[in-house]
């Protein structure tokens, strides 16, 4: 799989989602590359550094910087030549970077919070995804994160997104300490992200 995790807004668990997806893909024994394209924070790179020796040998994290001599798309293609799967962690403000990554990635996961503000903020990200779809098929997946299960806000957010014709994932990620404390570790228990990954794989197989 080649998955970009992106939403042009911060604070929605993009890096957490990218890393959990990478750990899940690596659990099968396949090689996984994580490309960190967040120019401001490079959280995936920091996560790998903090994890130290407990890091899975079949997961590679590479930081990409603008001006390094290759585009983000070229870095994606290069990593796919040597790894079975690719997960790209994108930053909150890099519209051009996200567009470049989506010229290679086949799926885009947009983690977003269950709130009206999030729904309104989606427009720019959806525009980028739509333009990329003109070049090749991209699976778009809206993942509600940091939610409180069975809350009215969750139900209303899902209904509003679906009324807009947007592909909301059945899986959700709740606001739990285990996810908040995962940074800098290599958790074997994926929790709710196991269902997220299974849904992604199933939809890609059916595409």
N, C-alpha and C. Protein backbone atom coordinates (compact mmCIF):
# COMPACT_ATOMS: atom_id res chain seq x y z
N UNK A 1 0.83 -1.20 0.00
CA UNK A 1 0.00 0.00 0.00
C UNK A 1 0.86 1.25 0.00
N UNK A 2 0.34 2.29 -0.57
CA UNK A 2 1.01 3.60 -0.51
C UNK A 2 -0.04 4.60 -0.03
N UNK A 3 0.10 5.03 1.22
CA UNK A 3 -0.91 5.82 1.90
C UNK A 3 -0.34 7.15 2.34
N UNK A 4 -1.00 8.22 1.97
CA UNK A 4 -0.66 9.54 2.50
C UNK A 4 -1.64 9.86 3.62
N UNK A 5 -1.12 10.32 4.73
CA UNK A 5 -1.96 10.78 5.83
C UNK A 5 -1.86 12.29 5.83
N UNK A 6 -2.94 12.95 5.45
CA UNK A 6 -2.85 14.39 5.27
C UNK A 6 -4.15 15.12 5.50
N UNK A 7 -4.01 16.30 6.05
CA UNK A 7 -5.12 17.24 6.24
C UNK A 7 -4.44 18.57 6.53
N UNK A 8 -4.76 19.59 5.76
CA UNK A 8 -4.04 20.86 5.85
C UNK A 8 -4.48 21.67 7.06
N UNK A 9 -4.40 21.02 8.22
CA UNK A 9 -4.75 21.63 9.49
C UNK A 9 -4.05 20.81 10.57
N UNK A 10 -3.61 21.45 11.63
CA UNK A 10 -2.88 20.74 12.67
C UNK A 10 -3.78 20.18 13.76
N UNK A 11 -3.20 19.32 14.59
CA UNK A 11 -3.87 18.84 15.79
C UNK A 11 -4.91 17.77 15.58
N UNK A 12 -4.80 16.99 14.50
CA UNK A 12 -5.82 15.98 14.21
C UNK A 12 -5.29 14.55 14.26
N UNK A 13 -4.12 14.36 14.83
CA UNK A 13 -3.52 13.01 14.96
C UNK A 13 -3.02 12.44 13.64
N UNK A 14 -2.49 13.30 12.76
CA UNK A 14 -1.95 12.80 11.50
C UNK A 14 -0.76 11.88 11.72
N UNK A 15 0.22 12.35 12.49
CA UNK A 15 1.41 11.54 12.71
C UNK A 15 1.07 10.25 13.45
N UNK A 16 0.22 10.36 14.46
CA UNK A 16 -0.18 9.17 15.21
C UNK A 16 -0.82 8.14 14.29
N UNK A 17 -1.69 8.62 13.41
CA UNK A 17 -2.35 7.73 12.46
C UNK A 17 -1.33 7.10 11.51
N UNK A 18 -0.42 7.91 11.00
CA UNK A 18 0.59 7.39 10.08
C UNK A 18 1.44 6.30 10.74
N UNK A 19 1.86 6.54 11.98
CA UNK A 19 2.73 5.59 12.65
C UNK A 19 1.99 4.30 12.99
N UNK A 20 0.77 4.40 13.46
CA UNK A 20 0.00 3.19 13.76
C UNK A 20 -0.26 2.37 12.51
N UNK A 21 -0.54 3.03 11.39
CA UNK A 21 -0.72 2.31 10.14
C UNK A 21 0.57 1.61 9.73
N UNK A 22 1.69 2.29 9.91
CA UNK A 22 2.98 1.69 9.58
C UNK A 22 3.27 0.46 10.45
N UNK A 23 3.00 0.58 11.75
CA UNK A 23 3.22 -0.56 12.65
C UNK A 23 2.33 -1.74 12.27
N UNK A 24 1.09 -1.44 11.88
CA UNK A 24 0.19 -2.50 11.49
C UNK A 24 0.64 -3.20 10.23
N UNK A 25 1.07 -2.46 9.25
CA UNK A 25 1.56 -3.05 8.01
C UNK A 25 2.84 -3.85 8.25
N UNK A 26 3.67 -3.38 9.16
CA UNK A 26 4.93 -4.06 9.46
C UNK A 26 4.73 -5.35 10.25
N UNK A 27 3.59 -5.46 10.94
CA UNK A 27 3.34 -6.64 11.78
C UNK A 27 3.26 -7.92 10.96
N UNK A 28 3.00 -7.80 9.66
CA UNK A 28 2.94 -8.97 8.79
C UNK A 28 4.33 -9.44 8.36
N UNK A 29 5.34 -8.63 8.69
CA UNK A 29 6.70 -8.95 8.27
C UNK A 29 7.15 -8.19 7.06
N UNK A 30 6.23 -7.46 6.42
CA UNK A 30 6.58 -6.67 5.24
C UNK A 30 7.43 -5.46 5.64
N UNK A 31 8.20 -4.97 4.68
CA UNK A 31 8.97 -3.75 4.91
C UNK A 31 8.08 -2.53 4.68
N UNK A 32 8.25 -1.53 5.54
CA UNK A 32 7.43 -0.32 5.48
C UNK A 32 8.34 0.91 5.56
N UNK A 33 8.12 1.85 4.67
CA UNK A 33 8.83 3.13 4.73
C UNK A 33 7.85 4.21 5.18
N UNK A 34 8.28 5.01 6.13
CA UNK A 34 7.51 6.18 6.56
C UNK A 34 8.27 7.42 6.09
N UNK A 35 7.64 8.21 5.25
CA UNK A 35 8.27 9.44 4.78
C UNK A 35 7.68 10.61 5.54
N UNK A 36 8.54 11.32 6.26
CA UNK A 36 8.12 12.46 7.08
C UNK A 36 8.33 13.73 6.27
N UNK A 37 7.22 14.32 5.79
CA UNK A 37 7.33 15.53 4.97
C UNK A 37 6.88 16.78 5.72
N UNK A 38 6.67 16.66 7.03
CA UNK A 38 6.26 17.81 7.83
C UNK A 38 7.46 18.73 8.02
N UNK A 39 7.46 19.86 7.35
CA UNK A 39 8.62 20.75 7.36
C UNK A 39 8.82 21.45 8.69
N UNK A 40 7.74 21.67 9.44
CA UNK A 40 7.85 22.43 10.68
C UNK A 40 8.18 21.58 11.89
N UNK A 41 7.53 20.42 12.00
CA UNK A 41 7.64 19.66 13.25
C UNK A 41 8.40 18.34 13.15
N UNK A 42 8.34 17.68 11.99
CA UNK A 42 9.02 16.40 11.79
C UNK A 42 8.75 15.43 12.94
N UNK A 43 7.48 15.30 13.31
CA UNK A 43 7.13 14.51 14.49
C UNK A 43 7.42 13.03 14.29
N UNK A 44 7.23 12.52 13.09
CA UNK A 44 7.52 11.10 12.83
C UNK A 44 9.01 10.81 13.04
N UNK A 45 9.85 11.73 12.60
CA UNK A 45 11.29 11.57 12.79
C UNK A 45 11.65 11.58 14.27
N UNK A 46 11.04 12.48 15.02
CA UNK A 46 11.27 12.54 16.46
C UNK A 46 10.78 11.26 17.13
N UNK A 47 9.63 10.75 16.71
CA UNK A 47 9.06 9.52 17.26
C UNK A 47 10.06 8.38 17.11
N UNK A 48 10.63 8.26 15.90
CA UNK A 48 11.62 7.19 15.66
C UNK A 48 12.84 7.35 16.56
N UNK A 49 13.30 8.55 16.73
CA UNK A 49 14.49 8.79 17.55
C UNK A 49 14.23 8.44 19.01
N UNK A 50 13.07 8.79 19.52
CA UNK A 50 12.73 8.52 20.92
C UNK A 50 12.56 7.03 21.19
N UNK A 51 12.11 6.28 20.18
CA UNK A 51 11.84 4.85 20.38
C UNK A 51 13.11 4.03 20.57
N UNK A 52 14.20 4.47 20.00
CA UNK A 52 15.47 3.78 20.21
C UNK A 52 15.47 2.34 19.74
N UNK A 53 15.98 1.44 20.57
CA UNK A 53 16.20 0.05 20.17
C UNK A 53 14.93 -0.77 20.03
N UNK A 54 13.81 -0.29 20.55
CA UNK A 54 12.58 -1.08 20.46
C UNK A 54 11.91 -0.94 19.09
N UNK A 55 12.51 -0.16 18.22
CA UNK A 55 11.91 0.09 16.92
C UNK A 55 11.95 -1.16 16.03
N UNK A 56 10.86 -1.48 15.30
CA UNK A 56 10.86 -2.64 14.40
C UNK A 56 11.89 -2.48 13.29
N UNK A 57 12.64 -3.53 13.02
CA UNK A 57 13.70 -3.46 12.02
C UNK A 57 13.16 -3.25 10.61
N UNK A 58 11.93 -3.66 10.37
CA UNK A 58 11.38 -3.56 9.01
C UNK A 58 10.61 -2.27 8.76
N UNK A 59 10.74 -1.30 9.68
CA UNK A 59 10.12 0.02 9.48
C UNK A 59 11.22 1.07 9.38
N UNK A 60 11.25 1.76 8.26
CA UNK A 60 12.23 2.83 8.03
C UNK A 60 11.53 4.18 8.05
N UNK A 61 12.10 5.12 8.78
CA UNK A 61 11.57 6.48 8.79
C UNK A 61 12.60 7.39 8.13
N UNK A 62 12.16 8.12 7.14
CA UNK A 62 13.06 9.04 6.43
C UNK A 62 12.44 10.43 6.43
N UNK A 63 13.24 11.40 6.76
CA UNK A 63 12.76 12.79 6.72
C UNK A 63 13.06 13.39 5.36
N UNK A 64 12.05 14.07 4.81
CA UNK A 64 12.23 14.78 3.54
C UNK A 64 12.13 16.27 3.79
N UNK A 65 13.09 17.00 3.23
CA UNK A 65 13.10 18.46 3.36
C UNK A 65 13.06 19.09 1.98
N UNK A 66 12.33 20.19 1.87
CA UNK A 66 12.34 20.94 0.62
C UNK A 66 13.76 21.42 0.34
N UNK A 67 14.17 21.28 -0.91
CA UNK A 67 15.51 21.71 -1.29
C UNK A 67 16.56 20.64 -1.12
N UNK A 68 16.14 19.40 -0.79
CA UNK A 68 17.10 18.31 -0.60
C UNK A 68 17.63 17.73 -1.91
N UNK A 69 17.07 18.16 -3.03
CA UNK A 69 17.55 17.66 -4.31
C UNK A 69 16.59 16.73 -5.00
N UNK A 70 15.51 16.33 -4.34
CA UNK A 70 14.47 15.54 -4.99
C UNK A 70 13.12 16.00 -4.48
N UNK A 71 12.11 15.83 -5.29
CA UNK A 71 10.78 16.22 -4.87
C UNK A 71 10.23 15.17 -3.91
N UNK A 72 9.13 15.54 -3.24
CA UNK A 72 8.49 14.57 -2.34
C UNK A 72 8.00 13.36 -3.13
N UNK A 73 7.49 13.59 -4.34
CA UNK A 73 7.02 12.49 -5.18
C UNK A 73 8.18 11.57 -5.55
N UNK A 74 9.32 12.15 -5.86
CA UNK A 74 10.50 11.33 -6.20
C UNK A 74 10.95 10.51 -5.01
N UNK A 75 10.89 11.09 -3.81
CA UNK A 75 11.25 10.35 -2.60
C UNK A 75 10.28 9.19 -2.37
N UNK A 76 8.99 9.43 -2.60
CA UNK A 76 7.98 8.36 -2.47
C UNK A 76 8.29 7.22 -3.43
N UNK A 77 8.54 7.54 -4.68
CA UNK A 77 8.81 6.51 -5.69
C UNK A 77 10.07 5.73 -5.36
N UNK A 78 11.09 6.43 -4.89
CA UNK A 78 12.34 5.75 -4.53
C UNK A 78 12.13 4.76 -3.38
N UNK A 79 11.39 5.17 -2.38
CA UNK A 79 11.16 4.30 -1.23
C UNK A 79 10.30 3.09 -1.60
N UNK A 80 9.37 3.27 -2.53
CA UNK A 80 8.54 2.16 -2.97
C UNK A 80 9.32 1.12 -3.76
N UNK A 81 10.48 1.50 -4.26
CA UNK A 81 11.31 0.54 -4.98
C UNK A 81 11.96 -0.46 -4.02
N UNK A 82 12.11 -0.07 -2.76
CA UNK A 82 12.83 -0.92 -1.80
C UNK A 82 11.98 -1.36 -0.62
N UNK A 83 10.73 -0.92 -0.56
CA UNK A 83 9.84 -1.28 0.56
C UNK A 83 8.50 -1.74 0.01
N UNK A 84 7.89 -2.66 0.71
CA UNK A 84 6.59 -3.20 0.29
C UNK A 84 5.49 -2.15 0.43
N UNK A 85 5.55 -1.35 1.49
CA UNK A 85 4.50 -0.36 1.75
C UNK A 85 5.13 1.01 2.03
N UNK A 86 4.35 2.05 1.76
CA UNK A 86 4.78 3.42 2.04
C UNK A 86 3.66 4.15 2.77
N UNK A 87 4.03 4.83 3.85
CA UNK A 87 3.11 5.70 4.57
C UNK A 87 3.76 7.08 4.64
N UNK A 88 3.04 8.10 4.21
CA UNK A 88 3.59 9.46 4.19
C UNK A 88 2.87 10.31 5.22
N UNK A 89 3.64 10.91 6.13
CA UNK A 89 3.10 11.82 7.13
C UNK A 89 3.31 13.24 6.61
N UNK A 90 2.22 13.96 6.34
CA UNK A 90 2.34 15.30 5.78
C UNK A 90 2.04 16.35 6.84
N UNK A 91 2.55 17.54 6.63
CA UNK A 91 2.36 18.62 7.59
C UNK A 91 1.06 19.35 7.38
N UNK A 92 0.71 20.26 8.30
CA UNK A 92 -0.58 20.94 8.24
C UNK A 92 -0.71 22.00 7.16
N UNK A 93 0.40 22.59 6.71
CA UNK A 93 0.26 23.72 5.80
C UNK A 93 0.85 23.52 4.43
N UNK A 94 1.30 22.32 4.11
CA UNK A 94 2.02 22.11 2.86
C UNK A 94 1.14 21.64 1.72
N UNK A 95 0.35 22.56 1.16
CA UNK A 95 -0.56 22.20 0.07
C UNK A 95 0.20 21.62 -1.12
N UNK A 96 1.28 22.27 -1.53
CA UNK A 96 2.03 21.80 -2.69
C UNK A 96 2.68 20.45 -2.41
N UNK A 97 3.14 20.26 -1.17
CA UNK A 97 3.77 18.98 -0.80
C UNK A 97 2.74 17.86 -0.84
N UNK A 98 1.55 18.12 -0.28
CA UNK A 98 0.50 17.10 -0.30
C UNK A 98 0.14 16.74 -1.74
N UNK A 99 0.01 17.74 -2.59
CA UNK A 99 -0.32 17.48 -3.99
C UNK A 99 0.76 16.64 -4.65
N UNK A 100 2.01 16.92 -4.35
CA UNK A 100 3.13 16.17 -4.92
C UNK A 100 3.09 14.71 -4.45
N UNK A 101 2.87 14.51 -3.16
CA UNK A 101 2.80 13.16 -2.60
C UNK A 101 1.66 12.37 -3.24
N UNK A 102 0.52 13.04 -3.47
CA UNK A 102 -0.64 12.35 -4.03
C UNK A 102 -0.48 12.01 -5.51
N UNK A 103 0.58 12.48 -6.14
CA UNK A 103 0.85 12.04 -7.50
C UNK A 103 1.39 10.61 -7.52
N UNK A 104 1.77 10.11 -6.32
CA UNK A 104 2.30 8.75 -6.18
C UNK A 104 1.40 7.88 -5.31
N UNK A 105 0.99 8.41 -4.16
CA UNK A 105 0.19 7.62 -3.20
C UNK A 105 -1.17 7.26 -3.79
N UNK A 106 -1.65 6.08 -3.43
CA UNK A 106 -2.93 5.60 -3.94
C UNK A 106 -4.09 5.86 -2.99
N UNK A 107 -3.79 6.14 -1.73
CA UNK A 107 -4.84 6.40 -0.75
C UNK A 107 -4.49 7.62 0.08
N UNK A 108 -5.52 8.38 0.44
CA UNK A 108 -5.36 9.54 1.31
C UNK A 108 -6.27 9.36 2.51
N UNK A 109 -5.67 9.30 3.69
CA UNK A 109 -6.42 9.25 4.94
C UNK A 109 -6.39 10.63 5.56
N UNK A 110 -7.56 11.20 5.80
CA UNK A 110 -7.66 12.53 6.42
C UNK A 110 -8.20 12.37 7.84
N UNK A 111 -7.33 12.42 8.85
CA UNK A 111 -7.83 12.40 10.23
C UNK A 111 -8.42 13.76 10.57
N UNK A 112 -9.61 13.77 11.13
CA UNK A 112 -10.22 15.03 11.52
C UNK A 112 -11.07 14.84 12.76
N UNK A 113 -11.26 15.94 13.46
CA UNK A 113 -12.03 15.91 14.70
C UNK A 113 -13.52 15.99 14.39
N UNK A 114 -14.31 15.53 15.33
CA UNK A 114 -15.77 15.60 15.17
C UNK A 114 -16.25 16.97 15.62
N UNK A 115 -16.21 17.93 14.72
CA UNK A 115 -16.68 19.27 15.03
C UNK A 115 -17.03 19.99 13.73
N UNK A 116 -17.90 20.97 13.82
CA UNK A 116 -18.30 21.71 12.62
C UNK A 116 -17.11 22.47 12.04
N UNK A 117 -16.23 22.99 12.88
CA UNK A 117 -15.05 23.70 12.38
C UNK A 117 -14.22 22.82 11.46
N UNK A 118 -14.08 21.54 11.83
CA UNK A 118 -13.29 20.62 11.02
C UNK A 118 -13.93 20.42 9.65
N UNK A 119 -15.23 20.27 9.63
CA UNK A 119 -15.93 20.08 8.37
C UNK A 119 -15.70 21.26 7.45
N UNK A 120 -15.75 22.45 7.99
CA UNK A 120 -15.55 23.66 7.20
C UNK A 120 -14.11 23.79 6.72
N UNK A 121 -13.16 23.25 7.49
CA UNK A 121 -11.74 23.37 7.16
C UNK A 121 -11.28 22.37 6.10
N UNK A 122 -12.15 21.45 5.74
CA UNK A 122 -11.77 20.38 4.81
C UNK A 122 -11.59 20.83 3.37
N UNK A 123 -12.18 21.95 3.01
CA UNK A 123 -12.30 22.32 1.60
C UNK A 123 -10.98 22.30 0.85
N UNK A 124 -9.94 22.90 1.43
CA UNK A 124 -8.66 22.98 0.72
C UNK A 124 -8.06 21.60 0.50
N UNK A 125 -8.12 20.77 1.53
CA UNK A 125 -7.58 19.41 1.40
C UNK A 125 -8.34 18.64 0.33
N UNK A 126 -9.64 18.79 0.29
CA UNK A 126 -10.45 18.08 -0.71
C UNK A 126 -10.14 18.58 -2.11
N UNK A 127 -9.84 19.87 -2.25
CA UNK A 127 -9.48 20.42 -3.55
C UNK A 127 -8.19 19.77 -4.06
N UNK A 128 -7.21 19.64 -3.17
CA UNK A 128 -5.95 19.01 -3.54
C UNK A 128 -6.18 17.56 -3.96
N UNK A 129 -6.97 16.84 -3.17
CA UNK A 129 -7.26 15.44 -3.48
C UNK A 129 -7.98 15.31 -4.81
N UNK A 130 -8.92 16.22 -5.07
CA UNK A 130 -9.68 16.17 -6.33
C UNK A 130 -8.77 16.40 -7.53
N UNK A 131 -7.86 17.34 -7.42
CA UNK A 131 -6.93 17.60 -8.51
C UNK A 131 -6.02 16.40 -8.75
N UNK A 132 -5.60 15.74 -7.67
CA UNK A 132 -4.73 14.57 -7.82
C UNK A 132 -5.48 13.41 -8.46
N UNK A 133 -6.78 13.31 -8.17
CA UNK A 133 -7.58 12.23 -8.73
C UNK A 133 -7.69 12.35 -10.25
N UNK A 134 -7.50 13.54 -10.78
CA UNK A 134 -7.52 13.72 -12.22
C UNK A 134 -6.37 12.97 -12.88
N UNK A 135 -5.29 12.72 -12.11
CA UNK A 135 -4.11 12.04 -12.66
C UNK A 135 -4.20 10.52 -12.48
N UNK A 136 -4.65 10.05 -11.32
CA UNK A 136 -4.82 8.61 -11.10
C UNK A 136 -5.79 8.41 -9.95
N UNK A 137 -6.29 7.20 -9.85
CA UNK A 137 -7.29 6.89 -8.84
C UNK A 137 -6.71 7.00 -7.44
N UNK A 138 -7.40 7.77 -6.59
CA UNK A 138 -6.98 7.90 -5.20
C UNK A 138 -8.17 7.57 -4.30
N UNK A 139 -7.95 6.68 -3.36
CA UNK A 139 -8.99 6.37 -2.39
C UNK A 139 -8.97 7.40 -1.27
N UNK A 140 -10.07 8.10 -1.08
CA UNK A 140 -10.18 9.12 -0.03
C UNK A 140 -10.91 8.53 1.16
N UNK A 141 -10.33 8.72 2.35
CA UNK A 141 -10.89 8.14 3.57
C UNK A 141 -10.85 9.18 4.67
N UNK A 142 -12.01 9.62 5.14
CA UNK A 142 -12.08 10.56 6.25
C UNK A 142 -12.19 9.77 7.55
N UNK A 143 -11.22 9.96 8.42
CA UNK A 143 -11.14 9.21 9.68
C UNK A 143 -11.40 10.15 10.85
N UNK A 144 -12.48 9.92 11.57
CA UNK A 144 -12.78 10.74 12.75
C UNK A 144 -11.93 10.27 13.92
N UNK A 145 -11.16 11.21 14.48
CA UNK A 145 -10.22 10.88 15.55
C UNK A 145 -10.53 11.70 16.81
N UNK A 146 -9.95 11.25 17.92
CA UNK A 146 -10.12 11.91 19.21
C UNK A 146 -11.60 12.08 19.55
N UNK A 147 -12.41 11.09 19.20
CA UNK A 147 -13.85 11.22 19.39
C UNK A 147 -14.28 10.57 20.70
N UNK A 148 -15.45 10.94 21.13
CA UNK A 148 -16.12 10.27 22.25
C UNK A 148 -17.23 9.44 21.65
N UNK A 149 -17.09 8.13 21.79
CA UNK A 149 -18.05 7.23 21.16
C UNK A 149 -19.46 7.48 21.66
N UNK A 150 -20.39 7.33 20.72
CA UNK A 150 -21.83 7.49 21.00
C UNK A 150 -22.21 8.92 21.37
N UNK A 151 -21.30 9.87 21.12
CA UNK A 151 -21.64 11.26 21.43
C UNK A 151 -22.50 11.85 20.31
N UNK A 152 -23.28 12.85 20.67
CA UNK A 152 -24.11 13.54 19.68
C UNK A 152 -23.23 14.21 18.63
N UNK A 153 -22.10 14.77 19.07
CA UNK A 153 -21.20 15.47 18.15
C UNK A 153 -20.64 14.51 17.10
N UNK A 154 -20.30 13.31 17.52
CA UNK A 154 -19.79 12.31 16.58
C UNK A 154 -20.87 11.97 15.55
N UNK A 155 -22.07 11.71 16.02
CA UNK A 155 -23.16 11.36 15.11
C UNK A 155 -23.46 12.49 14.14
N UNK A 156 -23.52 13.72 14.64
CA UNK A 156 -23.85 14.85 13.78
C UNK A 156 -22.75 15.12 12.75
N UNK A 157 -21.49 14.98 13.18
CA UNK A 157 -20.37 15.20 12.25
C UNK A 157 -20.39 14.16 11.14
N UNK A 158 -20.61 12.91 11.51
CA UNK A 158 -20.69 11.84 10.51
C UNK A 158 -21.83 12.10 9.53
N UNK A 159 -22.99 12.46 10.06
CA UNK A 159 -24.15 12.70 9.20
C UNK A 159 -23.91 13.87 8.25
N UNK A 160 -23.26 14.92 8.75
CA UNK A 160 -23.00 16.08 7.90
C UNK A 160 -22.02 15.75 6.79
N UNK A 161 -20.96 15.01 7.12
CA UNK A 161 -19.98 14.63 6.10
C UNK A 161 -20.60 13.71 5.06
N UNK A 162 -21.39 12.76 5.52
CA UNK A 162 -22.03 11.83 4.58
C UNK A 162 -23.06 12.55 3.70
N UNK A 163 -23.74 13.55 4.27
CA UNK A 163 -24.69 14.33 3.48
C UNK A 163 -24.00 15.11 2.38
N UNK A 164 -22.71 15.41 2.58
CA UNK A 164 -21.92 16.10 1.57
C UNK A 164 -21.36 15.12 0.53
N UNK A 165 -21.67 13.84 0.72
CA UNK A 165 -21.19 12.83 -0.21
C UNK A 165 -19.76 12.42 0.01
N UNK A 166 -19.24 12.65 1.21
CA UNK A 166 -17.84 12.36 1.51
C UNK A 166 -17.69 10.97 2.13
N UNK A 167 -16.60 10.29 1.82
CA UNK A 167 -16.39 8.91 2.28
C UNK A 167 -15.85 8.86 3.71
N UNK A 168 -16.73 8.75 4.68
CA UNK A 168 -16.34 8.68 6.09
C UNK A 168 -16.09 7.22 6.46
N UNK A 169 -14.97 6.96 7.09
CA UNK A 169 -14.67 5.59 7.48
C UNK A 169 -15.62 5.12 8.58
N UNK A 170 -15.97 3.84 8.54
CA UNK A 170 -16.78 3.27 9.61
C UNK A 170 -16.00 3.26 10.92
N UNK A 171 -14.71 3.00 10.82
CA UNK A 171 -13.85 2.98 12.00
C UNK A 171 -13.65 4.39 12.53
N UNK A 172 -13.53 4.51 13.84
CA UNK A 172 -13.19 5.79 14.47
C UNK A 172 -12.10 5.52 15.50
N UNK A 173 -11.42 6.59 15.89
CA UNK A 173 -10.39 6.49 16.93
C UNK A 173 -10.83 7.38 18.09
N UNK A 174 -11.01 6.77 19.24
CA UNK A 174 -11.53 7.51 20.39
C UNK A 174 -10.40 8.22 21.14
N UNK A 175 -10.80 9.13 21.99
CA UNK A 175 -9.86 9.91 22.78
C UNK A 175 -9.43 9.08 23.99
N UNK A 176 -8.32 8.37 23.85
CA UNK A 176 -7.83 7.48 24.90
C UNK A 176 -6.38 7.82 25.25
N UNK A 177 -6.03 7.66 26.51
CA UNK A 177 -4.66 7.94 26.95
C UNK A 177 -3.64 7.05 26.24
N UNK A 178 -4.04 5.82 25.90
CA UNK A 178 -3.08 4.90 25.29
C UNK A 178 -2.55 5.45 23.97
N UNK A 179 -3.37 6.18 23.23
CA UNK A 179 -2.90 6.78 21.99
C UNK A 179 -2.09 8.04 22.26
N UNK A 180 -2.52 8.81 23.25
CA UNK A 180 -1.80 10.03 23.58
C UNK A 180 -0.39 9.74 24.08
N UNK A 181 -0.24 8.59 24.75
CA UNK A 181 1.06 8.22 25.34
C UNK A 181 1.93 7.38 24.42
N UNK A 182 1.47 7.14 23.19
CA UNK A 182 2.19 6.21 22.30
C UNK A 182 3.41 6.82 21.63
N UNK A 183 3.49 8.15 21.57
CA UNK A 183 4.61 8.79 20.89
C UNK A 183 5.94 8.34 21.47
N UNK A 184 6.84 7.94 20.58
CA UNK A 184 8.15 7.49 21.02
C UNK A 184 8.20 6.02 21.40
N UNK A 185 7.12 5.28 21.11
CA UNK A 185 7.09 3.85 21.39
C UNK A 185 6.77 3.10 20.09
N UNK A 186 6.81 1.79 20.15
CA UNK A 186 6.43 0.95 19.01
C UNK A 186 5.39 -0.05 19.48
N UNK A 187 4.16 0.40 19.68
CA UNK A 187 3.13 -0.46 20.25
C UNK A 187 2.78 -1.65 19.35
N UNK A 188 2.66 -2.82 19.96
CA UNK A 188 2.24 -4.01 19.22
C UNK A 188 0.72 -4.08 19.14
N UNK A 189 0.05 -3.54 20.15
CA UNK A 189 -1.40 -3.50 20.15
C UNK A 189 -1.87 -2.25 19.43
N UNK A 190 -2.50 -2.42 18.29
CA UNK A 190 -2.93 -1.27 17.49
C UNK A 190 -4.22 -0.66 17.99
N UNK A 191 -4.91 -1.32 18.89
CA UNK A 191 -6.18 -0.81 19.36
C UNK A 191 -7.15 -0.61 18.21
N UNK A 192 -7.82 0.52 18.17
CA UNK A 192 -8.81 0.80 17.13
C UNK A 192 -8.18 1.00 15.75
N UNK A 193 -6.88 1.25 15.72
CA UNK A 193 -6.22 1.42 14.43
C UNK A 193 -6.15 0.11 13.66
N UNK A 194 -6.31 -1.03 14.35
CA UNK A 194 -6.35 -2.31 13.64
C UNK A 194 -7.56 -2.34 12.71
N UNK A 195 -8.70 -1.85 13.19
CA UNK A 195 -9.90 -1.80 12.36
C UNK A 195 -9.75 -0.78 11.23
N UNK A 196 -9.08 0.33 11.52
CA UNK A 196 -8.83 1.34 10.49
C UNK A 196 -8.01 0.73 9.35
N UNK A 197 -6.94 0.02 9.70
CA UNK A 197 -6.08 -0.57 8.69
C UNK A 197 -6.82 -1.65 7.90
N UNK A 198 -7.59 -2.48 8.58
CA UNK A 198 -8.35 -3.52 7.90
C UNK A 198 -9.34 -2.92 6.90
N UNK A 199 -9.97 -1.82 7.29
CA UNK A 199 -10.91 -1.15 6.39
C UNK A 199 -10.19 -0.59 5.17
N UNK A 200 -9.02 -0.01 5.38
CA UNK A 200 -8.24 0.52 4.26
C UNK A 200 -7.84 -0.58 3.29
N UNK A 201 -7.33 -1.68 3.83
CA UNK A 201 -6.88 -2.78 2.99
C UNK A 201 -8.04 -3.37 2.20
N UNK A 202 -9.18 -3.53 2.85
CA UNK A 202 -10.35 -4.08 2.18
C UNK A 202 -10.82 -3.18 1.05
N UNK A 203 -10.88 -1.88 1.31
CA UNK A 203 -11.34 -0.96 0.27
C UNK A 203 -10.35 -0.90 -0.88
N UNK A 204 -9.08 -0.98 -0.61
CA UNK A 204 -8.08 -0.97 -1.68
C UNK A 204 -8.19 -2.24 -2.51
N UNK A 205 -8.45 -3.37 -1.86
CA UNK A 205 -8.58 -4.63 -2.59
C UNK A 205 -9.81 -4.63 -3.49
N UNK A 206 -10.86 -3.93 -3.05
CA UNK A 206 -12.10 -3.88 -3.81
C UNK A 206 -12.09 -2.81 -4.89
N UNK A 207 -11.09 -1.93 -4.85
CA UNK A 207 -11.06 -0.80 -5.80
C UNK A 207 -10.78 -1.28 -7.23
